């Protein structure tokens, strides 16, 4: 799932370099969670599903200013964090966005605090 997240991010970077406003990616159920996460954190305008030559695809609408800031300050982390420590991080570093993964799926720091879960932090913006 982490590799799918990184592939979507790399496609967004390539679209930014080519000044594309809309990109298409393959339809995979786990991509929906990733796209919802990006939309929830205001990195994309939105997406919808289309049928293109007997293949289902996601059509994504990109926010360029957000994507530029997003990729300018990204950091890959590899650490496991509990819910209590995540609350402390959210209080101390409220200007950063963390993305974490656990057995329940992908979460942003806002979602993980809402559902009271910790996990493996792999991305910091």
PDB file of N, CA and C in Angstrom:
ATOM      1  N   UNK A   1       0.814  -1.186   0.000  1.00  0.00           N
ATOM      2  CA  UNK A   1       0.000   0.000   0.000  1.00  0.00           C
ATOM      3  C   UNK A   1       0.864   1.260   0.000  1.00  0.00           C
ATOM      4  N   UNK A   2       2.001   1.204   0.665  1.00  0.00           N
ATOM      5  CA  UNK A   2       2.920   2.339   0.674  1.00  0.00           C
ATOM      6  C   UNK A   2       3.445   2.594  -0.736  1.00  0.00           C
ATOM      7  N   UNK A   3       3.729   1.527  -1.476  1.00  0.00           N
ATOM      8  CA  UNK A   3       4.216   1.690  -2.849  1.00  0.00           C
ATOM      9  C   UNK A   3       3.162   2.326  -3.747  1.00  0.00           C
ATOM     10  N   UNK A   4       1.893   1.987  -3.524  1.00  0.00           N
ATOM     11  CA  UNK A   4       0.826   2.618  -4.305  1.00  0.00           C
ATOM     12  C   UNK A   4       0.735   4.099  -3.991  1.00  0.00           C
ATOM     13  N   UNK A   5       0.904   4.445  -2.717  1.00  0.00           N
ATOM     14  CA  UNK A   5       0.888   5.851  -2.321  1.00  0.00           C
ATOM     15  C   UNK A   5       2.020   6.617  -2.986  1.00  0.00           C
ATOM     16  N   UNK A   6       3.216   6.015  -2.991  1.00  0.00           N
ATOM     17  CA  UNK A   6       4.368   6.657  -3.623  1.00  0.00           C
ATOM     18  C   UNK A   6       4.180   6.770  -5.129  1.00  0.00           C
ATOM     19  N   UNK A   7       3.532   5.775  -5.759  1.00  0.00           N
ATOM     20  CA  UNK A   7       3.317   5.856  -7.215  1.00  0.00           C
ATOM     21  C   UNK A   7       2.320   6.946  -7.569  1.00  0.00           C
ATOM     22  N   UNK A   8       1.279   7.103  -6.760  1.00  0.00           N
ATOM     23  CA  UNK A   8       0.329   8.195  -7.011  1.00  0.00           C
ATOM     24  C   UNK A   8       1.017   9.537  -6.847  1.00  0.00           C
ATOM     25  N   UNK A   9       1.843   9.673  -5.809  1.00  0.00           N
ATOM     26  CA  UNK A   9       2.565  10.929  -5.598  1.00  0.00           C
ATOM     27  C   UNK A   9       3.525  11.227  -6.749  1.00  0.00           C
ATOM     28  N   UNK A  10       4.184  10.199  -7.272  1.00  0.00           N
ATOM     29  CA  UNK A  10       5.105  10.429  -8.389  1.00  0.00           C
ATOM     30  C   UNK A  10       4.339  10.837  -9.648  1.00  0.00           C
ATOM     31  N   UNK A  11       3.148  10.279  -9.860  1.00  0.00           N
ATOM     32  CA  UNK A  11       2.331  10.687 -11.008  1.00  0.00           C
ATOM     33  C   UNK A  11       1.859  12.127 -10.859  1.00  0.00           C
ATOM     34  N   UNK A  12       1.574  12.539  -9.628  1.00  0.00           N
ATOM     35  CA  UNK A  12       1.200  13.934  -9.397  1.00  0.00           C
ATOM     36  C   UNK A  12       2.367  14.885  -9.662  1.00  0.00           C
ATOM     37  N   UNK A  13       3.583  14.462  -9.297  1.00  0.00           N
ATOM     38  CA  UNK A  13       4.773  15.286  -9.562  1.00  0.00           C
ATOM     39  C   UNK A  13       5.005  15.421 -11.067  1.00  0.00           C
ATOM     40  N   UNK A  14       4.880  14.309 -11.793  1.00  0.00           N
ATOM     41  CA  UNK A  14       5.056  14.368 -13.249  1.00  0.00           C
ATOM     42  C   UNK A  14       3.992  15.243 -13.905  1.00  0.00           C
ATOM     43  N   UNK A  15       2.773  15.170 -13.407  1.00  0.00           N
ATOM     44  CA  UNK A  15       1.702  16.011 -13.948  1.00  0.00           C
ATOM     45  C   UNK A  15       1.990  17.478 -13.680  1.00  0.00           C
ATOM     46  N   UNK A  16       2.572  17.785 -12.515  1.00  0.00           N
ATOM     47  CA  UNK A  16       2.913  19.169 -12.193  1.00  0.00           C
ATOM     48  C   UNK A  16       4.003  19.683 -13.126  1.00  0.00           C
ATOM     49  N   UNK A  17       4.998  18.827 -13.423  1.00  0.00           N
ATOM     50  CA  UNK A  17       6.077  19.244 -14.320  1.00  0.00           C
ATOM     51  C   UNK A  17       5.574  19.491 -15.734  1.00  0.00           C
ATOM     52  N   UNK A  18       4.544  18.729 -16.144  1.00  0.00           N
ATOM     53  CA  UNK A  18       3.980  18.886 -17.488  1.00  0.00           C
ATOM     54  C   UNK A  18       2.804  19.863 -17.519  1.00  0.00           C
ATOM     55  N   UNK A  19       2.510  20.492 -16.381  1.00  0.00           N
ATOM     56  CA  UNK A  19       1.408  21.446 -16.226  1.00  0.00           C
ATOM     57  C   UNK A  19       0.054  20.854 -16.613  1.00  0.00           C
ATOM     58  N   UNK A  20      -0.155  19.604 -16.266  1.00  0.00           N
ATOM     59  CA  UNK A  20      -1.453  18.974 -16.484  1.00  0.00           C
ATOM     60  C   UNK A  20      -2.365  19.305 -15.310  1.00  0.00           C
ATOM     61  N   UNK A  21      -3.641  19.477 -15.605  1.00  0.00           N
ATOM     62  CA  UNK A  21      -4.609  19.747 -14.546  1.00  0.00           C
ATOM     63  C   UNK A  21      -5.404  18.513 -14.172  1.00  0.00           C
ATOM     64  N   UNK A  22      -5.432  17.528 -15.059  1.00  0.00           N
ATOM     65  CA  UNK A  22      -6.171  16.291 -14.828  1.00  0.00           C
ATOM     66  C   UNK A  22      -5.270  15.110 -15.173  1.00  0.00           C
ATOM     67  N   UNK A  23      -5.239  14.106 -14.310  1.00  0.00           N
ATOM     68  CA  UNK A  23      -4.505  12.881 -14.612  1.00  0.00           C
ATOM     69  C   UNK A  23      -5.429  11.688 -14.395  1.00  0.00           C
ATOM     70  N   UNK A  24      -5.040  10.560 -14.969  1.00  0.00           N
ATOM     71  CA  UNK A  24      -5.794   9.324 -14.809  1.00  0.00           C
ATOM     72  C   UNK A  24      -4.883   8.257 -14.214  1.00  0.00           C
ATOM     73  N   UNK A  25      -5.427   7.515 -13.261  1.00  0.00           N
ATOM     74  CA  UNK A  25      -4.714   6.369 -12.688  1.00  0.00           C
ATOM     75  C   UNK A  25      -5.653   5.168 -12.708  1.00  0.00           C
ATOM     76  N   UNK A  26      -5.092   3.982 -12.582  1.00  0.00           N
ATOM     77  CA  UNK A  26      -5.886   2.758 -12.615  1.00  0.00           C
ATOM     78  C   UNK A  26      -6.779   2.638 -11.387  1.00  0.00           C
ATOM     79  N   UNK A  27      -7.896   1.974 -11.590  1.00  0.00           N
ATOM     80  CA  UNK A  27      -8.853   1.761 -10.511  1.00  0.00           C
ATOM     81  C   UNK A  27      -8.419   0.575  -9.661  1.00  0.00           C
ATOM     82  N   UNK A  28      -8.044   0.861  -8.430  1.00  0.00           N
ATOM     83  CA  UNK A  28      -7.742  -0.144  -7.422  1.00  0.00           C
ATOM     84  C   UNK A  28      -8.421   0.348  -6.149  1.00  0.00           C
ATOM     85  N   UNK A  29      -9.020  -0.544  -5.409  1.00  0.00           N
ATOM     86  CA  UNK A  29      -9.786  -0.121  -4.235  1.00  0.00           C
ATOM     87  C   UNK A  29      -8.930   0.614  -3.214  1.00  0.00           C
ATOM     88  N   UNK A  30      -7.679   0.223  -3.060  1.00  0.00           N
ATOM     89  CA  UNK A  30      -6.824   0.911  -2.088  1.00  0.00           C
ATOM     90  C   UNK A  30      -6.469   2.320  -2.563  1.00  0.00           C
ATOM     91  N   UNK A  31      -6.501   2.561  -3.883  1.00  0.00           N
ATOM     92  CA  UNK A  31      -6.258   3.917  -4.381  1.00  0.00           C
ATOM     93  C   UNK A  31      -7.350   4.874  -3.936  1.00  0.00           C
ATOM     94  N   UNK A  32      -8.559   4.370  -3.736  1.00  0.00           N
ATOM     95  CA  UNK A  32      -9.654   5.222  -3.292  1.00  0.00           C
ATOM     96  C   UNK A  32      -9.357   5.802  -1.916  1.00  0.00           C
ATOM     97  N   UNK A  33      -8.822   4.998  -1.021  1.00  0.00           N
ATOM     98  CA  UNK A  33      -8.466   5.472   0.316  1.00  0.00           C
ATOM     99  C   UNK A  33      -7.368   6.535   0.241  1.00  0.00           C
ATOM    100  N   UNK A  34      -6.393   6.317  -0.633  1.00  0.00           N
ATOM    101  CA  UNK A  34      -5.306   7.281  -0.796  1.00  0.00           C
ATOM    102  C   UNK A  34      -5.839   8.592  -1.361  1.00  0.00           C
ATOM    103  N   UNK A  35      -6.703   8.507  -2.361  1.00  0.00           N
ATOM    104  CA  UNK A  35      -7.280   9.715  -2.952  1.00  0.00           C
ATOM    105  C   UNK A  35      -8.171  10.454  -1.964  1.00  0.00           C
ATOM    106  N   UNK A  36      -8.920   9.719  -1.163  1.00  0.00           N
ATOM    107  CA  UNK A  36      -9.728  10.360  -0.126  1.00  0.00           C
ATOM    108  C   UNK A  36      -8.850  11.093   0.880  1.00  0.00           C
ATOM    109  N   UNK A  37      -7.713  10.491   1.197  1.00  0.00           N
ATOM    110  CA  UNK A  37      -6.768  11.109   2.120  1.00  0.00           C
ATOM    111  C   UNK A  37      -6.195  12.399   1.531  1.00  0.00           C
ATOM    112  N   UNK A  38      -5.825  12.373   0.258  1.00  0.00           N
ATOM    113  CA  UNK A  38      -5.304  13.580  -0.395  1.00  0.00           C
ATOM    114  C   UNK A  38      -6.377  14.655  -0.520  1.00  0.00           C
ATOM    115  N   UNK A  39      -7.607  14.241  -0.785  1.00  0.00           N
ATOM    116  CA  UNK A  39      -8.705  15.206  -0.904  1.00  0.00           C
ATOM    117  C   UNK A  39      -9.042  15.802   0.461  1.00  0.00           C
ATOM    118  N   UNK A  40      -9.070  14.969   1.482  1.00  0.00           N
ATOM    119  CA  UNK A  40      -9.388  15.422   2.835  1.00  0.00           C
ATOM    120  C   UNK A  40      -8.377  16.451   3.333  1.00  0.00           C
ATOM    121  N   UNK A  41      -7.123  16.304   2.927  1.00  0.00           N
ATOM    122  CA  UNK A  41      -6.069  17.241   3.328  1.00  0.00           C
ATOM    123  C   UNK A  41      -5.839  18.350   2.313  1.00  0.00           C
ATOM    124  N   UNK A  42      -6.757  18.504   1.357  1.00  0.00           N
ATOM    125  CA  UNK A  42      -6.758  19.598   0.365  1.00  0.00           C
ATOM    126  C   UNK A  42      -5.545  19.613  -0.549  1.00  0.00           C
ATOM    127  N   UNK A  43      -5.089  18.442  -1.000  1.00  0.00           N
ATOM    128  CA  UNK A  43      -4.019  18.389  -1.976  1.00  0.00           C
ATOM    129  C   UNK A  43      -4.543  18.195  -3.390  1.00  0.00           C
ATOM    130  N   UNK A  44      -5.786  17.744  -3.530  1.00  0.00           N
ATOM    131  CA  UNK A  44      -6.422  17.624  -4.843  1.00  0.00           C
ATOM    132  C   UNK A  44      -7.827  18.214  -4.751  1.00  0.00           C
ATOM    133  N   UNK A  45      -8.362  18.665  -5.905  1.00  0.00           N
ATOM    134  CA  UNK A  45      -9.729  19.175  -5.923  1.00  0.00           C
ATOM    135  C   UNK A  45     -10.741  18.060  -5.749  1.00  0.00           C
ATOM    136  N   UNK A  46     -10.461  16.920  -6.350  1.00  0.00           N
ATOM    137  CA  UNK A  46     -11.372  15.794  -6.270  1.00  0.00           C
ATOM    138  C   UNK A  46     -11.033  14.766  -7.330  1.00  0.00           C
ATOM    139  N   UNK A  47     -11.885  13.768  -7.462  1.00  0.00           N
ATOM    140  CA  UNK A  47     -11.684  12.703  -8.441  1.00  0.00           C
ATOM    141  C   UNK A  47     -13.020  12.050  -8.733  1.00  0.00           C
ATOM    142  N   UNK A  48     -13.074  11.335  -9.823  1.00  0.00           N
ATOM    143  CA  UNK A  48     -14.223  10.486 -10.111  1.00  0.00           C
ATOM    144  C   UNK A  48     -13.778   9.299 -10.935  1.00  0.00           C
ATOM    145  N   UNK A  49     -14.649   8.289 -11.015  1.00  0.00           N
ATOM    146  CA  UNK A  49     -14.334   7.039 -11.691  1.00  0.00           C
ATOM    147  C   UNK A  49     -14.941   7.058 -13.083  1.00  0.00           C
ATOM    148  N   UNK A  50     -14.143   6.661 -14.091  1.00  0.00           N
ATOM    149  CA  UNK A  50     -14.638   6.587 -15.462  1.00  0.00           C
ATOM    150  C   UNK A  50     -14.335   5.204 -16.033  1.00  0.00           C
ATOM    151  N   UNK A  51     -15.112   4.836 -17.041  1.00  0.00           N
ATOM    152  CA  UNK A  51     -14.855   3.600 -17.778  1.00  0.00           C
ATOM    153  C   UNK A  51     -14.197   4.003 -19.089  1.00  0.00           C
ATOM    154  N   UNK A  52     -12.943   3.590 -19.265  1.00  0.00           N
ATOM    155  CA  UNK A  52     -12.167   3.996 -20.427  1.00  0.00           C
ATOM    156  C   UNK A  52     -11.667   2.737 -21.137  1.00  0.00           C
ATOM    157  N   UNK A  53     -12.264   2.384 -22.264  1.00  0.00           N
ATOM    158  CA  UNK A  53     -11.864   1.218 -23.071  1.00  0.00           C
ATOM    159  C   UNK A  53     -11.845  -0.067 -22.240  1.00  0.00           C
ATOM    160  N   UNK A  54     -12.942  -0.328 -21.578  1.00  0.00           N
ATOM    161  CA  UNK A  54     -13.136  -1.513 -20.735  1.00  0.00           C
ATOM    162  C   UNK A  54     -12.220  -1.548 -19.511  1.00  0.00           C
ATOM    163  N   UNK A  55     -11.623  -0.443 -19.159  1.00  0.00           N
ATOM    164  CA  UNK A  55     -10.809  -0.335 -17.945  1.00  0.00           C
ATOM    165  C   UNK A  55     -11.377   0.782 -17.082  1.00  0.00           C
ATOM    166  N   UNK A  56     -11.532   0.504 -15.799  1.00  0.00           N
ATOM    167  CA  UNK A  56     -11.970   1.537 -14.871  1.00  0.00           C
ATOM    168  C   UNK A  56     -10.754   2.357 -14.452  1.00  0.00           C
ATOM    169  N   UNK A  57     -10.914   3.669 -14.427  1.00  0.00           N
ATOM    170  CA  UNK A  57      -9.825   4.568 -14.046  1.00  0.00           C
ATOM    171  C   UNK A  57     -10.359   5.678 -13.163  1.00  0.00           C
ATOM    172  N   UNK A  58      -9.456   6.239 -12.365  1.00  0.00           N
ATOM    173  CA  UNK A  58      -9.765   7.438 -11.592  1.00  0.00           C
ATOM    174  C   UNK A  58      -9.276   8.642 -12.385  1.00  0.00           C
ATOM    175  N   UNK A  59     -10.091   9.665 -12.476  1.00  0.00           N
ATOM    176  CA  UNK A  59      -9.686  10.936 -13.058  1.00  0.00           C
ATOM    177  C   UNK A  59      -9.518  11.904 -11.897  1.00  0.00           C
ATOM    178  N   UNK A  60      -8.302  12.454 -11.737  1.00  0.00           N
ATOM    179  CA  UNK A  60      -7.951  13.292 -10.585  1.00  0.00           C
ATOM    180  C   UNK A  60      -7.744  14.723 -11.036  1.00  0.00           C
ATOM    181  N   UNK A  61      -8.323  15.676 -10.290  1.00  0.00           N
ATOM    182  CA  UNK A  61      -8.159  17.102 -10.552  1.00  0.00           C
ATOM    183  C   UNK A  61      -7.172  17.668  -9.540  1.00  0.00           C
ATOM    184  N   UNK A  62      -6.087  18.262 -10.039  1.00  0.00           N
ATOM    185  CA  UNK A  62      -4.939  18.629  -9.211  1.00  0.00           C
ATOM    186  C   UNK A  62      -4.990  20.094  -8.805  1.00  0.00           C
ATOM    187  N   UNK A  63      -4.590  20.388  -7.562  1.00  0.00           N
ATOM    188  CA  UNK A  63      -4.351  21.749  -7.089  1.00  0.00           C
ATOM    189  C   UNK A  63      -2.849  21.986  -7.176  1.00  0.00           C
ATOM    190  N   UNK A  64      -2.426  22.851  -8.072  1.00  0.00           N
ATOM    191  CA  UNK A  64      -0.984  23.003  -8.312  1.00  0.00           C
ATOM    192  C   UNK A  64      -0.251  23.681  -7.174  1.00  0.00           C
ATOM    193  N   UNK A  65      -0.819  24.708  -6.581  1.00  0.00           N
ATOM    194  CA  UNK A  65      -0.100  25.377  -5.504  1.00  0.00           C
ATOM    195  C   UNK A  65       0.073  24.442  -4.318  1.00  0.00           C
ATOM    196  N   UNK A  66      -0.963  23.637  -4.019  1.00  0.00           N
ATOM    197  CA  UNK A  66      -0.870  22.698  -2.914  1.00  0.00           C
ATOM    198  C   UNK A  66       0.125  21.579  -3.227  1.00  0.00           C
ATOM    199  N   UNK A  67       0.100  21.085  -4.457  1.00  0.00           N
ATOM    200  CA  UNK A  67       1.015  20.004  -4.834  1.00  0.00           C
ATOM    201  C   UNK A  67       2.456  20.483  -4.770  1.00  0.00           C
ATOM    202  N   UNK A  68       2.723  21.730  -5.200  1.00  0.00           N
ATOM    203  CA  UNK A  68       4.086  22.255  -5.159  1.00  0.00           C
ATOM    204  C   UNK A  68       4.593  22.314  -3.725  1.00  0.00           C
ATOM    205  N   UNK A  69       3.793  22.866  -2.823  1.00  0.00           N
ATOM    206  CA  UNK A  69       4.199  22.938  -1.417  1.00  0.00           C
ATOM    207  C   UNK A  69       4.337  21.546  -0.819  1.00  0.00           C
ATOM    208  N   UNK A  70       3.461  20.662  -1.238  1.00  0.00           N
ATOM    209  CA  UNK A  70       3.440  19.290  -0.727  1.00  0.00           C
ATOM    210  C   UNK A  70       4.749  18.576  -1.037  1.00  0.00           C
ATOM    211  N   UNK A  71       5.221  18.681  -2.264  1.00  0.00           N
ATOM    212  CA  UNK A  71       6.421  17.941  -2.654  1.00  0.00           C
ATOM    213  C   UNK A  71       7.702  18.674  -2.310  1.00  0.00           C
ATOM    214  N   UNK A  72       7.618  19.955  -2.023  1.00  0.00           N
ATOM    215  CA  UNK A  72       8.812  20.700  -1.686  1.00  0.00           C
ATOM    216  C   UNK A  72       9.358  20.299  -0.310  1.00  0.00           C
ATOM    217  N   UNK A  73       8.471  19.956   0.610  1.00  0.00           N
ATOM    218  CA  UNK A  73       8.915  19.695   1.973  1.00  0.00           C
ATOM    219  C   UNK A  73       8.570  18.302   2.478  1.00  0.00           C
ATOM    220  N   UNK A  74       8.529  17.314   1.594  1.00  0.00           N
ATOM    221  CA  UNK A  74       8.185  15.956   2.026  1.00  0.00           C
ATOM    222  C   UNK A  74       9.385  15.258   2.650  1.00  0.00           C
ATOM    223  N   UNK A  75       9.115  14.381   3.587  1.00  0.00           N
ATOM    224  CA  UNK A  75      10.136  13.599   4.255  1.00  0.00           C
ATOM    225  C   UNK A  75       9.583  12.208   4.510  1.00  0.00           C
ATOM    226  N   UNK A  76      10.360  11.186   4.152  1.00  0.00           N
ATOM    227  CA  UNK A  76       9.954   9.816   4.438  1.00  0.00           C
ATOM    228  C   UNK A  76      10.499   9.428   5.803  1.00  0.00           C
ATOM    229  N   UNK A  77       9.637   8.948   6.664  1.00  0.00           N
ATOM    230  CA  UNK A  77      10.031   8.510   7.996  1.00  0.00           C
ATOM    231  C   UNK A  77       9.753   7.018   8.124  1.00  0.00           C
ATOM    232  N   UNK A  78      10.414   6.400   9.051  1.00  0.00           N
ATOM    233  CA  UNK A  78      10.173   4.980   9.314  1.00  0.00           C
ATOM    234  C   UNK A  78      10.151   4.785  10.819  1.00  0.00           C
ATOM    235  N   UNK A  79       9.032   5.113  11.446  1.00  0.00           N
ATOM    236  CA  UNK A  79       8.947   4.948  12.886  1.00  0.00           C
ATOM    237  C   UNK A  79       7.524   4.568  13.274  1.00  0.00           C
ATOM    238  N   UNK A  80       7.420   3.796  14.335  1.00  0.00           N
ATOM    239  CA  UNK A  80       6.126   3.382  14.869  1.00  0.00           C
ATOM    240  C   UNK A  80       5.794   4.304  16.028  1.00  0.00           C
ATOM    241  N   UNK A  81       4.538   4.738  16.088  1.00  0.00           N
ATOM    242  CA  UNK A  81       4.140   5.690  17.107  1.00  0.00           C
ATOM    243  C   UNK A  81       2.797   5.276  17.703  1.00  0.00           C
ATOM    244  N   UNK A  82       2.658   5.508  19.002  1.00  0.00           N
ATOM    245  CA  UNK A  82       1.405   5.171  19.678  1.00  0.00           C
ATOM    246  C   UNK A  82       0.451   6.365  19.603  1.00  0.00           C
ATOM    247  N   UNK A  83      -0.780   6.141  20.002  1.00  0.00           N
ATOM    248  CA  UNK A  83      -1.794   7.200  19.967  1.00  0.00           C
ATOM    249  C   UNK A  83      -1.434   8.342  20.911  1.00  0.00           C
ATOM    250  N   UNK A  84      -0.912   8.022  22.104  1.00  0.00           N
ATOM    251  CA  UNK A  84      -0.553   9.063  23.071  1.00  0.00           C
ATOM    252  C   UNK A  84       0.554   9.958  22.526  1.00  0.00           C
ATOM    253  N   UNK A  85       1.574   9.358  21.933  1.00  0.00           N
ATOM    254  CA  UNK A  85       2.666  10.148  21.357  1.00  0.00           C
ATOM    255  C   UNK A  85       2.200  10.949  20.149  1.00  0.00           C
ATOM    256  N   UNK A  86       1.239  10.409  19.425  1.00  0.00           N
ATOM    257  CA  UNK A  86       0.698  11.122  18.268  1.00  0.00           C
ATOM    258  C   UNK A  86      -0.033  12.382  18.704  1.00  0.00           C
ATOM    259  N   UNK A  87      -0.719  12.321  19.848  1.00  0.00           N
ATOM    260  CA  UNK A  87      -1.376  13.514  20.383  1.00  0.00           C
ATOM    261  C   UNK A  87      -0.349  14.582  20.733  1.00  0.00           C
ATOM    262  N   UNK A  88       0.769  14.165  21.318  1.00  0.00           N
ATOM    263  CA  UNK A  88       1.824  15.123  21.668  1.00  0.00           C
ATOM    264  C   UNK A  88       2.432  15.753  20.420  1.00  0.00           C
ATOM    265  N   UNK A  89       2.664  14.931  19.394  1.00  0.00           N
ATOM    266  CA  UNK A  89       3.228  15.457  18.150  1.00  0.00           C
ATOM    267  C   UNK A  89       2.272  16.454  17.512  1.00  0.00           C
ATOM    268  N   UNK A  90       0.977  16.156  17.545  1.00  0.00           N
ATOM    269  CA  UNK A  90       0.010  17.070  16.927  1.00  0.00           C
ATOM    270  C   UNK A  90      -0.044  18.398  17.665  1.00  0.00           C
ATOM    271  N   UNK A  91       0.207  18.385  18.965  1.00  0.00           N
ATOM    272  CA  UNK A  91       0.218  19.639  19.715  1.00  0.00           C
ATOM    273  C   UNK A  91       1.501  20.428  19.468  1.00  0.00           C
ATOM    274  N   UNK A  92       2.636  19.735  19.398  1.00  0.00           N
ATOM    275  CA  UNK A  92       3.922  20.411  19.248  1.00  0.00           C
ATOM    276  C   UNK A  92       4.201  20.835  17.807  1.00  0.00           C
ATOM    277  N   UNK A  93       3.843  19.991  16.856  1.00  0.00           N
ATOM    278  CA  UNK A  93       4.138  20.263  15.450  1.00  0.00           C
ATOM    279  C   UNK A  93       2.839  20.325  14.658  1.00  0.00           C
ATOM    280  N   UNK A  94       2.030  21.332  14.933  1.00  0.00           N
ATOM    281  CA  UNK A  94       0.731  21.406  14.282  1.00  0.00           C
ATOM    282  C   UNK A  94       0.797  21.916  12.849  1.00  0.00           C
ATOM    283  N   UNK A  95       1.936  22.413  12.403  1.00  0.00           N
ATOM    284  CA  UNK A  95       2.042  22.881  11.024  1.00  0.00           C
ATOM    285  C   UNK A  95       2.488  21.775  10.063  1.00  0.00           C
ATOM    286  N   UNK A  96       2.734  20.563  10.569  1.00  0.00           N
ATOM    287  CA  UNK A  96       3.114  19.433   9.725  1.00  0.00           C
ATOM    288  C   UNK A  96       1.945  18.468   9.586  1.00  0.00           C
ATOM    289  N   UNK A  97       1.935  17.754   8.476  1.00  0.00           N
ATOM    290  CA  UNK A  97       0.963  16.689   8.244  1.00  0.00           C
ATOM    291  C   UNK A  97       1.710  15.368   8.270  1.00  0.00           C
ATOM    292  N   UNK A  98       1.206  14.412   9.019  1.00  0.00           N
ATOM    293  CA  UNK A  98       1.790  13.075   9.074  1.00  0.00           C
ATOM    294  C   UNK A  98       0.820  12.092   8.442  1.00  0.00           C
ATOM    295  N   UNK A  99       1.360  11.124   7.721  1.00  0.00           N
ATOM    296  CA  UNK A  99       0.568  10.033   7.174  1.00  0.00           C
ATOM    297  C   UNK A  99       1.091   8.747   7.774  1.00  0.00           C
ATOM    298  N   UNK A 100       0.193   7.936   8.295  1.00  0.00           N
ATOM    299  CA  UNK A 100       0.624   6.691   8.898  1.00  0.00           C
ATOM    300  C   UNK A 100      -0.229   5.539   8.391  1.00  0.00           C
ATOM    301  N   UNK A 101       0.308   4.359   8.569  1.00  0.00           N
ATOM    302  CA  UNK A 101      -0.355   3.143   8.123  1.00  0.00           C
ATOM    303  C   UNK A 101      -0.364   2.156   9.284  1.00  0.00           C
ATOM    304  N   UNK A 102      -1.464   1.424   9.396  1.00  0.00           N
ATOM    305  CA  UNK A 102      -1.546   0.321  10.347  1.00  0.00           C
ATOM    306  C   UNK A 102      -2.411  -0.764   9.734  1.00  0.00           C
ATOM    307  N   UNK A 103      -2.814  -1.736  10.531  1.00  0.00           N
ATOM    308  CA  UNK A 103      -3.582  -2.844   9.973  1.00  0.00           C
ATOM    309  C   UNK A 103      -4.974  -2.425   9.496  1.00  0.00           C
ATOM    310  N   UNK A 104      -5.436  -1.232   9.867  1.00  0.00           N
ATOM    311  CA  UNK A 104      -6.747  -0.743   9.435  1.00  0.00           C
ATOM    312  C   UNK A 104      -6.669   0.105   8.170  1.00  0.00           C
ATOM    313  N   UNK A 105      -5.478   0.486   7.721  1.00  0.00           N
ATOM    314  CA  UNK A 105      -5.324   1.239   6.483  1.00  0.00           C
ATOM    315  C   UNK A 105      -4.490   2.489   6.636  1.00  0.00           C
ATOM    316  N   UNK A 106      -4.627   3.421   5.661  1.00  0.00           N
ATOM    317  CA  UNK A 106      -3.935   4.707   5.662  1.00  0.00           C
ATOM    318  C   UNK A 106      -4.694   5.707   6.511  1.00  0.00           C
ATOM    319  N   UNK A 107      -3.960   6.567   7.202  1.00  0.00           N
ATOM    320  CA  UNK A 107      -4.583   7.620   7.989  1.00  0.00           C
ATOM    321  C   UNK A 107      -3.725   8.869   7.943  1.00  0.00           C
ATOM    322  N   UNK A 108      -4.362  10.013   7.941  1.00  0.00           N
ATOM    323  CA  UNK A 108      -3.640  11.253   8.200  1.00  0.00           C
ATOM    324  C   UNK A 108      -3.618  11.433   9.708  1.00  0.00           C
ATOM    325  N   UNK A 109      -2.915  12.430  10.185  1.00  0.00           N
ATOM    326  CA  UNK A 109      -2.842  12.630  11.631  1.00  0.00           C
ATOM    327  C   UNK A 109      -4.208  13.015  12.182  1.00  0.00           C
ATOM    328  N   UNK A 110      -4.994  13.755  11.394  1.00  0.00           N
ATOM    329  CA  UNK A 110      -6.341  14.132  11.841  1.00  0.00           C
ATOM    330  C   UNK A 110      -7.231  12.908  11.998  1.00  0.00           C
ATOM    331  N   UNK A 111      -7.180  12.013  11.023  1.00  0.00           N
ATOM    332  CA  UNK A 111      -8.010  10.805  11.085  1.00  0.00           C
ATOM    333  C   UNK A 111      -7.567   9.878  12.203  1.00  0.00           C
ATOM    334  N   UNK A 112      -6.261   9.754  12.405  1.00  0.00           N
ATOM    335  CA  UNK A 112      -5.776   8.846  13.442  1.00  0.00           C
ATOM    336  C   UNK A 112      -6.147   9.366  14.831  1.00  0.00           C
ATOM    337  N   UNK A 113      -6.154  10.672  15.032  1.00  0.00           N
ATOM    338  CA  UNK A 113      -6.592  11.214  16.311  1.00  0.00           C
ATOM    339  C   UNK A 113      -8.096  11.030  16.491  1.00  0.00           C
ATOM    340  N   UNK A 114      -8.827  11.127  15.399  1.00  0.00           N
ATOM    341  CA  UNK A 114     -10.283  10.943  15.457  1.00  0.00           C
ATOM    342  C   UNK A 114     -10.641   9.503  15.831  1.00  0.00           C
ATOM    343  N   UNK A 115      -9.936   8.529  15.228  1.00  0.00           N
ATOM    344  CA  UNK A 115     -10.221   7.119  15.488  1.00  0.00           C
ATOM    345  C   UNK A 115      -9.385   6.533  16.624  1.00  0.00           C
ATOM    346  N   UNK A 116      -8.500   7.357  17.218  1.00  0.00           N
ATOM    347  CA  UNK A 116      -7.653   6.955  18.343  1.00  0.00           C
ATOM    348  C   UNK A 116      -6.789   5.742  18.016  1.00  0.00           C
ATOM    349  N   UNK A 117      -6.055   5.829  16.913  1.00  0.00           N
ATOM    350  CA  UNK A 117      -5.157   4.749  16.513  1.00  0.00           C
ATOM    351  C   UNK A 117      -3.760   5.302  16.290  1.00  0.00           C
ATOM    352  N   UNK A 118      -2.784   4.471  16.484  1.00  0.00           N
ATOM    353  CA  UNK A 118      -1.402   4.788  16.168  1.00  0.00           C
ATOM    354  C   UNK A 118      -0.978   3.949  14.984  1.00  0.00           C
ATOM    355  N   UNK A 119       0.310   3.921  14.709  1.00  0.00           N
ATOM    356  CA  UNK A 119       0.775   3.101  13.611  1.00  0.00           C
ATOM    357  C   UNK A 119       2.172   3.464  13.172  1.00  0.00           C
ATOM    358  N   UNK A 120       2.481   3.086  11.962  1.00  0.00           N
ATOM    359  CA  UNK A 120       3.793   3.265  11.354  1.00  0.00           C
ATOM    360  C   UNK A 120       3.773   4.558  10.544  1.00  0.00           C
ATOM    361  N   UNK A 121       4.506   5.562  10.994  1.00  0.00           N
ATOM    362  CA  UNK A 121       4.577   6.834  10.270  1.00  0.00           C
ATOM    363  C   UNK A 121       5.572   6.672   9.140  1.00  0.00           C
ATOM    364  N   UNK A 122       5.127   6.966   7.921  1.00  0.00           N
ATOM    365  CA  UNK A 122       6.041   6.831   6.794  1.00  0.00           C
ATOM    366  C   UNK A 122       6.168   8.104   5.980  1.00  0.00           C
ATOM    367  N   UNK A 123       5.407   9.129   6.284  1.00  0.00           N
ATOM    368  CA  UNK A 123       5.457  10.329   5.457  1.00  0.00           C
ATOM    369  C   UNK A 123       5.141  11.551   6.295  1.00  0.00           C
ATOM    370  N   UNK A 124       5.928  12.600   6.126  1.00  0.00           N
ATOM    371  CA  UNK A 124       5.720  13.851   6.863  1.00  0.00           C
ATOM    372  C   UNK A 124       5.808  15.001   5.872  1.00  0.00           C
ATOM    373  N   UNK A 125       4.839  15.896   5.961  1.00  0.00           N
ATOM    374  CA  UNK A 125       4.839  17.061   5.077  1.00  0.00           C
ATOM    375  C   UNK A 125       4.914  18.305   5.924  1.00  0.00           C
TER     376      UNK A 125
END
